[in-house]
Amino acid sequence: MPLVVEVSNTYASRNAIARDNDWYLLKLQEEIGELTAEYLKTTGRGRMKGADAPAIRQALEDEAADVLATLLLFAHKNGIDLDAALERKWFQYLGRSG
């Protein structure tokens, strides 16, 4: 997580981006939109813009990484312990406890 925060801080500083509380959620929505656009290309339902299959696949992977990193930043900003939330919300179905 520290590297994700460091990259985000560097990016925000270099681009003069003011990140208030709303920014993290709005940025996550933006990144999900970009992931969706790349996914549509992989299924032949998006504009290819001259890209070949390997380039489209790489773009899909890159956008998935952006979504994950932005979600981590959102959770960090809002004091969300994702490990604890996964245990409580998801892993309960495996009969695990704490």
PDB file of N, CA and C in Angstrom:
ATOM      1  N   MET A   1       0.807  -1.206   0.000  1.00  0.00           N
ATOM      2  CA  MET A   1       0.000   0.000   0.000  1.00  0.00           C
ATOM      3  C   MET A   1       0.850   1.269   0.000  1.00  0.00           C
ATOM      4  N   PRO A   2       1.951   1.310   0.757  1.00  0.00           N
ATOM      5  CA  PRO A   2       2.750   2.550   0.751  1.00  0.00           C
ATOM      6  C   PRO A   2       3.195   2.968  -0.647  1.00  0.00           C
ATOM      7  N   LEU A   3       3.527   2.022  -1.518  1.00  0.00           N
ATOM      8  CA  LEU A   3       3.940   2.382  -2.877  1.00  0.00           C
ATOM      9  C   LEU A   3       2.787   2.983  -3.668  1.00  0.00           C
ATOM     10  N   VAL A   4       1.588   2.442  -3.489  1.00  0.00           N
ATOM     11  CA  VAL A   4       0.414   2.980  -4.182  1.00  0.00           C
ATOM     12  C   VAL A   4       0.168   4.415  -3.732  1.00  0.00           C
ATOM     13  N   VAL A   5       0.256   4.656  -2.443  1.00  0.00           N
ATOM     14  CA  VAL A   5       0.067   6.011  -1.911  1.00  0.00           C
ATOM     15  C   VAL A   5       1.153   6.939  -2.437  1.00  0.00           C
ATOM     16  N   GLU A   6       2.385   6.469  -2.466  1.00  0.00           N
ATOM     17  CA  GLU A   6       3.495   7.290  -2.961  1.00  0.00           C
ATOM     18  C   GLU A   6       3.305   7.662  -4.428  1.00  0.00           C
ATOM     19  N   VAL A   7       2.914   6.695  -5.244  1.00  0.00           N
ATOM     20  CA  VAL A   7       2.670   6.981  -6.665  1.00  0.00           C
ATOM     21  C   VAL A   7       1.542   7.989  -6.807  1.00  0.00           C
ATOM     22  N   SER A   8       0.463   7.799  -6.056  1.00  0.00           N
ATOM     23  CA  SER A   8      -0.676   8.712  -6.132  1.00  0.00           C
ATOM     24  C   SER A   8      -0.290  10.119  -5.696  1.00  0.00           C
ATOM     25  N   ASN A   9       0.467  10.222  -4.624  1.00  0.00           N
ATOM     26  CA  ASN A   9       0.906  11.538  -4.149  1.00  0.00           C
ATOM     27  C   ASN A   9       1.795  12.228  -5.179  1.00  0.00           C
ATOM     28  N   THR A  10       2.692  11.473  -5.789  1.00  0.00           N
ATOM     29  CA  THR A  10       3.575  12.028  -6.817  1.00  0.00           C
ATOM     30  C   THR A  10       2.765  12.504  -8.015  1.00  0.00           C
ATOM     31  N   TYR A  11       1.825  11.671  -8.465  1.00  0.00           N
ATOM     32  CA  TYR A  11       0.964  12.012  -9.605  1.00  0.00           C
ATOM     33  C   TYR A  11       0.164  13.282  -9.313  1.00  0.00           C
ATOM     34  N   ALA A  12      -0.430  13.341  -8.128  1.00  0.00           N
ATOM     35  CA  ALA A  12      -1.239  14.506  -7.763  1.00  0.00           C
ATOM     36  C   ALA A  12      -0.388  15.765  -7.694  1.00  0.00           C
ATOM     37  N   SER A  13       0.791  15.649  -7.151  1.00  0.00           N
ATOM     38  CA  SER A  13       1.689  16.796  -7.044  1.00  0.00           C
ATOM     39  C   SER A  13       2.138  17.287  -8.417  1.00  0.00           C
ATOM     40  N   ARG A  14       2.555  16.380  -9.261  1.00  0.00           N
ATOM     41  CA  ARG A  14       3.045  16.752 -10.597  1.00  0.00           C
ATOM     42  C   ARG A  14       1.957  17.357 -11.477  1.00  0.00           C
ATOM     43  N   ASN A  15       0.708  16.952 -11.232  1.00  0.00           N
ATOM     44  CA  ASN A  15      -0.391  17.417 -12.073  1.00  0.00           C
ATOM     45  C   ASN A  15      -1.298  18.423 -11.376  1.00  0.00           C
ATOM     46  N   ALA A  16      -0.874  18.910 -10.211  1.00  0.00           N
ATOM     47  CA  ALA A  16      -1.629  19.909  -9.440  1.00  0.00           C
ATOM     48  C   ALA A  16      -3.085  19.486  -9.225  1.00  0.00           C
ATOM     49  N   ILE A  17      -3.263  18.240  -8.801  1.00  0.00           N
ATOM     50  CA  ILE A  17      -4.600  17.706  -8.548  1.00  0.00           C
ATOM     51  C   ILE A  17      -4.911  17.841  -7.064  1.00  0.00           C
ATOM     52  N   ALA A  18      -6.001  18.535  -6.773  1.00  0.00           N
ATOM     53  CA  ALA A  18      -6.472  18.662  -5.398  1.00  0.00           C
ATOM     54  C   ALA A  18      -7.391  17.478  -5.112  1.00  0.00           C
ATOM     55  N   ARG A  19      -6.993  16.647  -4.184  1.00  0.00           N
ATOM     56  CA  ARG A  19      -7.770  15.441  -3.877  1.00  0.00           C
ATOM     57  C   ARG A  19      -8.553  15.645  -2.586  1.00  0.00           C
ATOM     58  N   ASP A  20      -9.823  16.008  -2.729  1.00  0.00           N
ATOM     59  CA  ASP A  20     -10.682  16.116  -1.558  1.00  0.00           C
ATOM     60  C   ASP A  20     -11.351  14.755  -1.337  1.00  0.00           C
ATOM     61  N   ASN A  21     -12.250  14.669  -0.377  1.00  0.00           N
ATOM     62  CA  ASN A  21     -12.880  13.388  -0.060  1.00  0.00           C
ATOM     63  C   ASN A  21     -13.614  12.776  -1.244  1.00  0.00           C
ATOM     64  N   ASP A  22     -14.275  13.596  -2.047  1.00  0.00           N
ATOM     65  CA  ASP A  22     -15.022  13.079  -3.198  1.00  0.00           C
ATOM     66  C   ASP A  22     -14.110  12.566  -4.304  1.00  0.00           C
ATOM     67  N   TRP A  23     -12.925  13.125  -4.424  1.00  0.00           N
ATOM     68  CA  TRP A  23     -12.034  12.793  -5.534  1.00  0.00           C
ATOM     69  C   TRP A  23     -11.780  11.295  -5.630  1.00  0.00           C
ATOM     70  N   TYR A  24     -11.555  10.633  -4.505  1.00  0.00           N
ATOM     71  CA  TYR A  24     -11.196   9.218  -4.516  1.00  0.00           C
ATOM     72  C   TYR A  24     -12.313   8.355  -5.098  1.00  0.00           C
ATOM     73  N   LEU A  25     -13.551   8.632  -4.720  1.00  0.00           N
ATOM     74  CA  LEU A  25     -14.668   7.859  -5.263  1.00  0.00           C
ATOM     75  C   LEU A  25     -14.919   8.215  -6.723  1.00  0.00           C
ATOM     76  N   LEU A  26     -14.841   9.489  -7.050  1.00  0.00           N
ATOM     77  CA  LEU A  26     -15.041   9.902  -8.440  1.00  0.00           C
ATOM     78  C   LEU A  26     -13.946   9.339  -9.340  1.00  0.00           C
ATOM     79  N   LYS A  27     -12.720   9.302  -8.860  1.00  0.00           N
ATOM     80  CA  LYS A  27     -11.612   8.732  -9.631  1.00  0.00           C
ATOM     81  C   LYS A  27     -11.815   7.231  -9.829  1.00  0.00           C
ATOM     82  N   LEU A  28     -12.325   6.554  -8.808  1.00  0.00           N
ATOM     83  CA  LEU A  28     -12.622   5.126  -8.940  1.00  0.00           C
ATOM     84  C   LEU A  28     -13.669   4.902 -10.027  1.00  0.00           C
ATOM     85  N   GLN A  29     -14.695   5.731 -10.052  1.00  0.00           N
ATOM     86  CA  GLN A  29     -15.727   5.630 -11.088  1.00  0.00           C
ATOM     87  C   GLN A  29     -15.123   5.858 -12.468  1.00  0.00           C
ATOM     88  N   GLU A  30     -14.242   6.831 -12.594  1.00  0.00           N
ATOM     89  CA  GLU A  30     -13.573   7.097 -13.871  1.00  0.00           C
ATOM     90  C   GLU A  30     -12.775   5.876 -14.330  1.00  0.00           C
ATOM     91  N   GLU A  31     -12.026   5.294 -13.408  1.00  0.00           N
ATOM     92  CA  GLU A  31     -11.203   4.135 -13.762  1.00  0.00           C
ATOM     93  C   GLU A  31     -12.061   2.928 -14.139  1.00  0.00           C
ATOM     94  N   ILE A  32     -13.192   2.740 -13.472  1.00  0.00           N
ATOM     95  CA  ILE A  32     -14.097   1.651 -13.838  1.00  0.00           C
ATOM     96  C   ILE A  32     -14.637   1.875 -15.246  1.00  0.00           C
ATOM     97  N   GLY A  33     -14.912   3.120 -15.595  1.00  0.00           N
ATOM     98  CA  GLY A  33     -15.342   3.434 -16.958  1.00  0.00           C
ATOM     99  C   GLY A  33     -14.278   3.086 -17.982  1.00  0.00           C
ATOM    100  N   GLU A  34     -13.020   3.379 -17.660  1.00  0.00           N
ATOM    101  CA  GLU A  34     -11.927   3.054 -18.575  1.00  0.00           C
ATOM    102  C   GLU A  34     -11.742   1.541 -18.691  1.00  0.00           C
ATOM    103  N   LEU A  35     -11.893   0.819 -17.591  1.00  0.00           N
ATOM    104  CA  LEU A  35     -11.824  -0.643 -17.630  1.00  0.00           C
ATOM    105  C   LEU A  35     -12.953  -1.203 -18.489  1.00  0.00           C
ATOM    106  N   THR A  36     -14.138  -0.646 -18.340  1.00  0.00           N
ATOM    107  CA  THR A  36     -15.283  -1.080 -19.138  1.00  0.00           C
ATOM    108  C   THR A  36     -15.028  -0.865 -20.621  1.00  0.00           C
ATOM    109  N   ALA A  37     -14.474   0.276 -20.981  1.00  0.00           N
ATOM    110  CA  ALA A  37     -14.176   0.565 -22.388  1.00  0.00           C
ATOM    111  C   ALA A  37     -13.197  -0.454 -22.960  1.00  0.00           C
ATOM    112  N   GLU A  38     -12.172  -0.806 -22.195  1.00  0.00           N
ATOM    113  CA  GLU A  38     -11.200  -1.798 -22.674  1.00  0.00           C
ATOM    114  C   GLU A  38     -11.830  -3.182 -22.760  1.00  0.00           C
ATOM    115  N   TYR A  39     -12.678  -3.511 -21.802  1.00  0.00           N
ATOM    116  CA  TYR A  39     -13.365  -4.803 -21.852  1.00  0.00           C
ATOM    117  C   TYR A  39     -14.238  -4.903 -23.099  1.00  0.00           C
ATOM    118  N   LEU A  40     -14.949  -3.828 -23.412  1.00  0.00           N
ATOM    119  CA  LEU A  40     -15.788  -3.830 -24.611  1.00  0.00           C
ATOM    120  C   LEU A  40     -14.965  -4.092 -25.863  1.00  0.00           C
ATOM    121  N   LYS A  41     -13.753  -3.573 -25.898  1.00  0.00           N
ATOM    122  CA  LYS A  41     -12.875  -3.840 -27.045  1.00  0.00           C
ATOM    123  C   LYS A  41     -12.536  -5.324 -27.132  1.00  0.00           C
ATOM    124  N   THR A  42     -12.296  -5.965 -25.989  1.00  0.00           N
ATOM    125  CA  THR A  42     -11.936  -7.387 -26.012  1.00  0.00           C
ATOM    126  C   THR A  42     -13.079  -8.256 -26.501  1.00  0.00           C
ATOM    127  N   THR A  43     -14.296  -7.756 -26.394  1.00  0.00           N
ATOM    128  CA  THR A  43     -15.462  -8.524 -26.826  1.00  0.00           C
ATOM    129  C   THR A  43     -15.977  -8.077 -28.190  1.00  0.00           C
ATOM    130  N   GLY A  44     -15.233  -7.187 -28.841  1.00  0.00           N
ATOM    131  CA  GLY A  44     -15.629  -6.726 -30.168  1.00  0.00           C
ATOM    132  C   GLY A  44     -16.769  -5.730 -30.160  1.00  0.00           C
ATOM    133  N   ARG A  45     -17.032  -5.119 -29.010  1.00  0.00           N
ATOM    134  CA  ARG A  45     -18.131  -4.156 -28.913  1.00  0.00           C
ATOM    135  C   ARG A  45     -17.656  -2.747 -28.616  1.00  0.00           C
ATOM    136  N   GLY A  46     -16.359  -2.511 -28.809  1.00  0.00           N
ATOM    137  CA  GLY A  46     -15.806  -1.180 -28.581  1.00  0.00           C
ATOM    138  C   GLY A  46     -14.955  -0.760 -29.757  1.00  0.00           C
ATOM    139  N   ARG A  47     -14.668   0.527 -29.832  1.00  0.00           N
ATOM    140  CA  ARG A  47     -13.822   1.041 -30.918  1.00  0.00           C
ATOM    141  C   ARG A  47     -12.391   0.583 -30.708  1.00  0.00           C
ATOM    142  N   MET A  48     -11.839  -0.080 -31.698  1.00  0.00           N
ATOM    143  CA  MET A  48     -10.507  -0.664 -31.599  1.00  0.00           C
ATOM    144  C   MET A  48      -9.399   0.375 -31.774  1.00  0.00           C
ATOM    145  N   LYS A  49      -9.675   1.449 -32.480  1.00  0.00           N
ATOM    146  CA  LYS A  49      -8.709   2.531 -32.708  1.00  0.00           C
ATOM    147  C   LYS A  49      -7.375   1.999 -33.238  1.00  0.00           C
ATOM    148  N   GLY A  50      -7.440   0.975 -34.088  1.00  0.00           N
ATOM    149  CA  GLY A  50      -6.242   0.433 -34.721  1.00  0.00           C
ATOM    150  C   GLY A  50      -5.411  -0.487 -33.853  1.00  0.00           C
ATOM    151  N   ALA A  51      -5.862  -0.783 -32.644  1.00  0.00           N
ATOM    152  CA  ALA A  51      -5.093  -1.640 -31.736  1.00  0.00           C
ATOM    153  C   ALA A  51      -5.295  -3.110 -32.075  1.00  0.00           C
ATOM    154  N   ASP A  52      -4.244  -3.900 -31.890  1.00  0.00           N
ATOM    155  CA  ASP A  52      -4.361  -5.339 -32.106  1.00  0.00           C
ATOM    156  C   ASP A  52      -4.717  -6.027 -30.782  1.00  0.00           C
ATOM    157  N   ALA A  53      -4.987  -7.324 -30.846  1.00  0.00           N
ATOM    158  CA  ALA A  53      -5.440  -8.070 -29.671  1.00  0.00           C
ATOM    159  C   ALA A  53      -4.466  -7.994 -28.494  1.00  0.00           C
ATOM    160  N   PRO A  54      -3.146  -8.166 -28.701  1.00  0.00           N
ATOM    161  CA  PRO A  54      -2.238  -8.064 -27.552  1.00  0.00           C
ATOM    162  C   PRO A  54      -2.241  -6.674 -26.900  1.00  0.00           C
ATOM    163  N   ALA A  55      -2.339  -5.637 -27.700  1.00  0.00           N
ATOM    164  CA  ALA A  55      -2.368  -4.273 -27.153  1.00  0.00           C
ATOM    165  C   ALA A  55      -3.646  -4.041 -26.360  1.00  0.00           C
ATOM    166  N   ILE A  56      -4.744  -4.566 -26.868  1.00  0.00           N
ATOM    167  CA  ILE A  56      -6.020  -4.417 -26.166  1.00  0.00           C
ATOM    168  C   ILE A  56      -5.987  -5.183 -24.846  1.00  0.00           C
ATOM    169  N   ARG A  57      -5.417  -6.376 -24.872  1.00  0.00           N
ATOM    170  CA  ARG A  57      -5.307  -7.173 -23.643  1.00  0.00           C
ATOM    171  C   ARG A  57      -4.453  -6.441 -22.604  1.00  0.00           C
ATOM    172  N   GLN A  58      -3.344  -5.874 -23.047  1.00  0.00           N
ATOM    173  CA  GLN A  58      -2.477  -5.135 -22.124  1.00  0.00           C
ATOM    174  C   GLN A  58      -3.210  -3.931 -21.547  1.00  0.00           C
ATOM    175  N   ALA A  59      -3.969  -3.238 -22.381  1.00  0.00           N
ATOM    176  CA  ALA A  59      -4.735  -2.085 -21.903  1.00  0.00           C
ATOM    177  C   ALA A  59      -5.779  -2.521 -20.870  1.00  0.00           C
ATOM    178  N   LEU A  60      -6.421  -3.669 -21.099  1.00  0.00           N
ATOM    179  CA  LEU A  60      -7.395  -4.199 -20.142  1.00  0.00           C
ATOM    180  C   LEU A  60      -6.717  -4.478 -18.800  1.00  0.00           C
ATOM    181  N   GLU A  61      -5.564  -5.130 -18.853  1.00  0.00           N
ATOM    182  CA  GLU A  61      -4.821  -5.425 -17.628  1.00  0.00           C
ATOM    183  C   GLU A  61      -4.386  -4.145 -16.915  1.00  0.00           C
ATOM    184  N   ASP A  62      -3.919  -3.172 -17.681  1.00  0.00           N
ATOM    185  CA  ASP A  62      -3.487  -1.902 -17.095  1.00  0.00           C
ATOM    186  C   ASP A  62      -4.649  -1.181 -16.416  1.00  0.00           C
ATOM    187  N   GLU A  63      -5.812  -1.198 -17.046  1.00  0.00           N
ATOM    188  CA  GLU A  63      -6.975  -0.536 -16.448  1.00  0.00           C
ATOM    189  C   GLU A  63      -7.457  -1.284 -15.211  1.00  0.00           C
ATOM    190  N   ALA A  64      -7.348  -2.614 -15.213  1.00  0.00           N
ATOM    191  CA  ALA A  64      -7.699  -3.383 -14.010  1.00  0.00           C
ATOM    192  C   ALA A  64      -6.770  -2.992 -12.860  1.00  0.00           C
ATOM    193  N   ALA A  65      -5.490  -2.801 -13.163  1.00  0.00           N
ATOM    194  CA  ALA A  65      -4.535  -2.357 -12.141  1.00  0.00           C
ATOM    195  C   ALA A  65      -4.906  -0.970 -11.622  1.00  0.00           C
ATOM    196  N   ASP A  66      -5.333  -0.091 -12.519  1.00  0.00           N
ATOM    197  CA  ASP A  66      -5.753   1.249 -12.097  1.00  0.00           C
ATOM    198  C   ASP A  66      -6.953   1.178 -11.157  1.00  0.00           C
ATOM    199  N   VAL A  67      -7.920   0.310 -11.475  1.00  0.00           N
ATOM    200  CA  VAL A  67      -9.098   0.163 -10.622  1.00  0.00           C
ATOM    201  C   VAL A  67      -8.687  -0.342  -9.241  1.00  0.00           C
ATOM    202  N   LEU A  68      -7.836  -1.354  -9.213  1.00  0.00           N
ATOM    203  CA  LEU A  68      -7.398  -1.905  -7.930  1.00  0.00           C
ATOM    204  C   LEU A  68      -6.640  -0.862  -7.106  1.00  0.00           C
ATOM    205  N   ALA A  69      -5.697  -0.172  -7.722  1.00  0.00           N
ATOM    206  CA  ALA A  69      -4.920   0.839  -7.001  1.00  0.00           C
ATOM    207  C   ALA A  69      -5.824   1.958  -6.493  1.00  0.00           C
ATOM    208  N   THR A  70      -6.774   2.377  -7.307  1.00  0.00           N
ATOM    209  CA  THR A  70      -7.673   3.456  -6.902  1.00  0.00           C
ATOM    210  C   THR A  70      -8.596   3.000  -5.781  1.00  0.00           C
ATOM    211  N   LEU A  71      -9.034   1.741  -5.816  1.00  0.00           N
ATOM    212  CA  LEU A  71      -9.840   1.209  -4.716  1.00  0.00           C
ATOM    213  C   LEU A  71      -9.027   1.170  -3.422  1.00  0.00           C
ATOM    214  N   LEU A  72      -7.766   0.765  -3.523  1.00  0.00           N
ATOM    215  CA  LEU A  72      -6.895   0.769  -2.344  1.00  0.00           C
ATOM    216  C   LEU A  72      -6.745   2.180  -1.774  1.00  0.00           C
ATOM    217  N   LEU A  73      -6.597   3.163  -2.648  1.00  0.00           N
ATOM    218  CA  LEU A  73      -6.487   4.555  -2.201  1.00  0.00           C
ATOM    219  C   LEU A  73      -7.775   5.033  -1.541  1.00  0.00           C
ATOM    220  N   PHE A  74      -8.921   4.685  -2.129  1.00  0.00           N
ATOM    221  CA  PHE A  74     -10.219   5.047  -1.561  1.00  0.00           C
ATOM    222  C   PHE A  74     -10.362   4.454  -0.154  1.00  0.00           C
ATOM    223  N   ALA A  75     -10.016   3.181  -0.020  1.00  0.00           N
ATOM    224  CA  ALA A  75     -10.118   2.518   1.279  1.00  0.00           C
ATOM    225  C   ALA A  75      -9.177   3.171   2.291  1.00  0.00           C
ATOM    226  N   HIS A  76      -7.960   3.448   1.869  1.00  0.00           N
ATOM    227  CA  HIS A  76      -6.973   4.093   2.749  1.00  0.00           C
ATOM    228  C   HIS A  76      -7.482   5.454   3.222  1.00  0.00           C
ATOM    229  N   LYS A  77      -7.990   6.247   2.308  1.00  0.00           N
ATOM    230  CA  LYS A  77      -8.484   7.592   2.629  1.00  0.00           C
ATOM    231  C   LYS A  77      -9.657   7.536   3.606  1.00  0.00           C
ATOM    232  N   ASN A  78     -10.472   6.489   3.491  1.00  0.00           N
ATOM    233  CA  ASN A  78     -11.684   6.386   4.302  1.00  0.00           C
ATOM    234  C   ASN A  78     -11.538   5.455   5.501  1.00  0.00           C
ATOM    235  N   GLY A  79     -10.311   5.049   5.797  1.00  0.00           N
ATOM    236  CA  GLY A  79     -10.073   4.221   6.977  1.00  0.00           C
ATOM    237  C   GLY A  79     -10.711   2.845   6.906  1.00  0.00           C
ATOM    238  N   ILE A  80     -10.805   2.290   5.718  1.00  0.00           N
ATOM    239  CA  ILE A  80     -11.407   0.969   5.528  1.00  0.00           C
ATOM    240  C   ILE A  80     -10.307  -0.088   5.548  1.00  0.00           C
ATOM    241  N   ASP A  81     -10.444  -1.052   6.428  1.00  0.00           N
ATOM    242  CA  ASP A  81      -9.530  -2.191   6.492  1.00  0.00           C
ATOM    243  C   ASP A  81     -10.087  -3.259   5.554  1.00  0.00           C
ATOM    244  N   LEU A  82      -9.536  -3.332   4.359  1.00  0.00           N
ATOM    245  CA  LEU A  82     -10.066  -4.259   3.359  1.00  0.00           C
ATOM    246  C   LEU A  82      -9.894  -5.715   3.766  1.00  0.00           C
ATOM    247  N   ASP A  83      -8.813  -6.043   4.450  1.00  0.00           N
ATOM    248  CA  ASP A  83      -8.632  -7.421   4.916  1.00  0.00           C
ATOM    249  C   ASP A  83      -9.759  -7.812   5.871  1.00  0.00           C
ATOM    250  N   ALA A  84     -10.062  -6.948   6.820  1.00  0.00           N
ATOM    251  CA  ALA A  84     -11.133  -7.225   7.778  1.00  0.00           C
ATOM    252  C   ALA A  84     -12.487  -7.279   7.081  1.00  0.00           C
ATOM    253  N   ALA A  85     -12.696  -6.390   6.132  1.00  0.00           N
ATOM    254  CA  ALA A  85     -13.969  -6.374   5.412  1.00  0.00           C
ATOM    255  C   ALA A  85     -14.149  -7.639   4.576  1.00  0.00           C
ATOM    256  N   LEU A  86     -13.074  -8.111   3.950  1.00  0.00           N
ATOM    257  CA  LEU A  86     -13.151  -9.362   3.184  1.00  0.00           C
ATOM    258  C   LEU A  86     -13.457 -10.544   4.099  1.00  0.00           C
ATOM    259  N   GLU A  87     -12.800 -10.588   5.231  1.00  0.00           N
ATOM    260  CA  GLU A  87     -13.085 -11.657   6.199  1.00  0.00           C
ATOM    261  C   GLU A  87     -14.554 -11.643   6.592  1.00  0.00           C
ATOM    262  N   ARG A  88     -15.060 -10.463   6.913  1.00  0.00           N
ATOM    263  CA  ARG A  88     -16.429 -10.337   7.393  1.00  0.00           C
ATOM    264  C   ARG A  88     -17.447 -10.590   6.287  1.00  0.00           C
ATOM    265  N   LYS A  89     -17.226 -10.019   5.116  1.00  0.00           N
ATOM    266  CA  LYS A  89     -18.233 -10.030   4.054  1.00  0.00           C
ATOM    267  C   LYS A  89     -18.137 -11.260   3.155  1.00  0.00           C
ATOM    268  N   TRP A  90     -16.939 -11.635   2.739  1.00  0.00           N
ATOM    269  CA  TRP A  90     -16.762 -12.704   1.750  1.00  0.00           C
ATOM    270  C   TRP A  90     -16.427 -14.047   2.372  1.00  0.00           C
ATOM    271  N   PHE A  91     -15.434 -14.059   3.242  1.00  0.00           N
ATOM    272  CA  PHE A  91     -14.891 -15.327   3.709  1.00  0.00           C
ATOM    273  C   PHE A  91     -15.791 -16.029   4.716  1.00  0.00           C
ATOM    274  N   GLN A  92     -16.838 -15.332   5.174  1.00  0.00           N
ATOM    275  CA  GLN A  92     -17.810 -15.973   6.059  1.00  0.00           C
ATOM    276  C   GLN A  92     -18.435 -17.190   5.388  1.00  0.00           C
ATOM    277  N   TYR A  93     -18.516 -17.151   4.065  1.00  0.00           N
ATOM    278  CA  TYR A  93     -19.137 -18.245   3.327  1.00  0.00           C
ATOM    279  C   TYR A  93     -18.260 -19.494   3.290  1.00  0.00           C
ATOM    280  N   LEU A  94     -17.031 -19.367   3.728  1.00  0.00           N
ATOM    281  CA  LEU A  94     -16.123 -20.508   3.799  1.00  0.00           C
ATOM    282  C   LEU A  94     -16.087 -21.103   5.205  1.00  0.00           C
ATOM    283  N   GLY A  95     -16.901 -20.542   6.083  1.00  0.00           N
ATOM    284  CA  GLY A  95     -16.945 -21.027   7.450  1.00  0.00           C
ATOM    285  C   GLY A  95     -15.737 -20.621   8.265  1.00  0.00           C
ATOM    286  N   ARG A  96     -15.035 -19.609   7.773  1.00  0.00           N
ATOM    287  CA  ARG A  96     -13.855 -19.121   8.493  1.00  0.00           C
ATOM    288  C   ARG A  96     -14.291 -18.144   9.570  1.00  0.00           C
ATOM    289  N   SER A  97     -13.533 -18.071  10.599  1.00  0.00           N
ATOM    290  CA  SER A  97     -13.782 -17.055  11.623  1.00  0.00           C
ATOM    291  C   SER A  97     -12.478 -16.351  11.943  1.00  0.00           C
ATOM    292  N   GLY A  98     -12.566 -14.991  11.948  1.00  0.00           N
ATOM    293  CA  GLY A  98     -11.456 -14.128  12.306  1.00  0.00           C
ATOM    294  C   GLY A  98     -10.166 -14.557  11.787  1.00  0.00           C
TER     295      GLY A  98
END
